[in-house]
Amino acid sequence: MSSPHINAPIRARMYANTPHKVIWVVVVVASAGLLAPPLFFIAAKKRVVSMAVPAVYAVIIYGSAVLGSVLGNPKNWVGGVLAITMIVAAVHAAILDADWKPGPQRP
């Protein structure tokens, strides 16, 4: 008896098609990077990236927002951190499937 999990590629594909990829990148940009950690958590569950990646994005994005509200934001450093992180997350989301190769096909 054959299982689809046994014959699956070692690494799953992140995006099913180009519109799916565009939607994810637009969501990251439109949310000002706040939805980047869930995207990369899904990528980590698919084993496209390490589980550390969504944790790092969450610490940077949510941590800077919390620190900005606790410590104050006199020089608008939170906006700069979020803008840079949003750009990095959007580029990272866009290149997630760049080197994807299907697993070996079995008859």
Protein backbone atom coordinates (compact mmCIF):
# COMPACT_ATOMS: atom_id res chain seq x y z
CA MET A 1 0.00 0.00 0.00
CA SER A 2 1.40 3.39 -1.01
CA SER A 3 1.08 6.55 1.00
CA PRO A 4 1.17 10.04 -0.56
CA HIS A 5 3.42 11.13 2.33
CA ILE A 6 6.08 8.54 1.43
CA ASN A 7 6.16 9.57 -2.24
CA ALA A 8 6.05 13.32 -1.52
CA PRO A 9 9.01 15.55 -2.39
CA ILE A 10 11.45 16.14 0.44
CA ARG A 11 10.63 19.84 0.45
CA ALA A 12 7.12 21.11 -0.27
CA ARG A 13 6.46 23.92 -2.66
CA MET A 14 5.59 27.20 -0.96
CA TYR A 15 3.39 28.71 -3.68
CA ALA A 16 1.01 26.82 -5.97
CA ASN A 17 1.16 29.44 -8.73
CA THR A 18 2.24 33.01 -9.48
CA PRO A 19 -0.99 34.73 -8.34
CA HIS A 20 -0.66 32.94 -4.98
CA LYS A 21 2.86 34.34 -4.64
CA VAL A 22 1.72 37.87 -5.58
CA ILE A 23 -1.10 37.74 -3.02
CA TRP A 24 1.30 36.76 -0.21
CA VAL A 25 3.78 39.51 -1.06
CA VAL A 26 0.99 42.13 -1.32
CA VAL A 27 -0.44 40.99 2.04
CA VAL A 28 2.98 41.40 3.69
CA VAL A 29 3.38 44.88 2.23
CA ALA A 30 -0.23 46.00 2.85
CA SER A 31 -0.06 44.90 6.49
CA ALA A 32 3.19 46.87 6.96
CA GLY A 33 4.97 43.61 7.72
CA LEU A 34 2.67 42.64 10.58
CA LEU A 35 1.56 39.47 8.74
CA ALA A 36 5.10 38.38 7.86
CA PRO A 37 5.50 36.02 10.85
CA PRO A 38 2.41 33.93 9.94
CA LEU A 39 3.64 33.65 6.32
CA PHE A 40 7.02 32.42 7.44
CA PHE A 41 5.43 30.10 10.02
CA ILE A 42 3.54 28.45 7.15
CA ALA A 43 6.81 28.26 5.19
CA ALA A 44 8.51 26.69 8.21
CA LYS A 45 5.73 24.11 8.55
CA LYS A 46 6.31 23.24 4.87
CA ARG A 47 10.05 23.00 5.67
CA VAL A 48 10.90 25.78 3.22
CA VAL A 49 12.64 27.83 5.94
CA SER A 50 13.85 27.14 9.47
CA MET A 51 11.47 27.59 12.41
CA ALA A 52 13.79 30.36 13.62
CA VAL A 53 12.78 32.62 10.71
CA PRO A 54 9.19 33.34 11.85
CA ALA A 55 10.44 33.79 15.41
CA VAL A 56 13.01 36.38 14.32
CA TYR A 57 10.43 38.28 12.24
CA ALA A 58 7.96 38.20 15.16
CA VAL A 59 10.55 39.50 17.64
CA ILE A 60 11.63 42.32 15.33
CA ILE A 61 8.16 43.38 14.18
CA TYR A 62 6.08 42.92 17.32
CA GLY A 63 8.94 43.71 19.70
CA SER A 64 9.66 47.06 18.07
CA ALA A 65 5.97 47.98 18.14
CA VAL A 66 5.67 47.08 21.84
CA LEU A 67 8.92 48.84 22.77
CA GLY A 68 7.85 51.91 20.83
CA SER A 69 4.60 52.12 22.75
CA VAL A 70 6.27 51.45 26.13
CA LEU A 71 9.35 53.63 25.73
CA GLY A 72 7.84 56.27 23.50
CA ASN A 73 8.73 57.07 19.95
CA PRO A 74 10.30 60.56 19.96
CA LYS A 75 12.46 60.09 16.86
CA ASN A 76 10.04 57.80 14.98
CA TRP A 77 12.43 54.85 15.08
CA VAL A 78 9.55 52.34 15.11
CA GLY A 79 8.38 53.45 11.68
CA GLY A 80 11.87 52.99 10.26
CA VAL A 81 12.31 49.54 11.81
CA LEU A 82 8.90 48.42 10.53
CA ALA A 83 9.55 49.83 7.05
CA ILE A 84 12.92 48.10 6.72
CA THR A 85 11.54 44.84 8.10
CA MET A 86 8.55 45.05 5.74
CA ILE A 87 10.84 45.47 2.73
CA VAL A 88 13.07 42.58 3.82
CA ALA A 89 10.03 40.36 4.50
CA ALA A 90 8.45 41.16 1.12
CA VAL A 91 11.66 40.35 -0.75
CA HIS A 92 12.14 37.21 1.33
CA ALA A 93 8.55 36.14 0.59
CA ALA A 94 9.05 36.76 -3.11
CA ILE A 95 12.16 34.57 -3.36
CA LEU A 96 10.97 31.65 -1.21
CA ASP A 97 10.34 29.31 -4.16
CA ALA A 98 13.19 30.51 -6.37
CA ASP A 99 15.24 27.30 -6.01
CA TRP A 100 12.40 24.78 -5.64
CA LYS A 101 12.89 21.49 -7.44
CA PRO A 102 10.39 18.65 -7.46
CA GLY A 103 11.30 15.43 -5.71
CA PRO A 104 12.06 12.26 -7.67
CA GLN A 105 9.03 10.82 -9.45
CA ARG A 106 8.21 7.20 -8.74
CA PRO A 107 6.21 5.04 -11.11
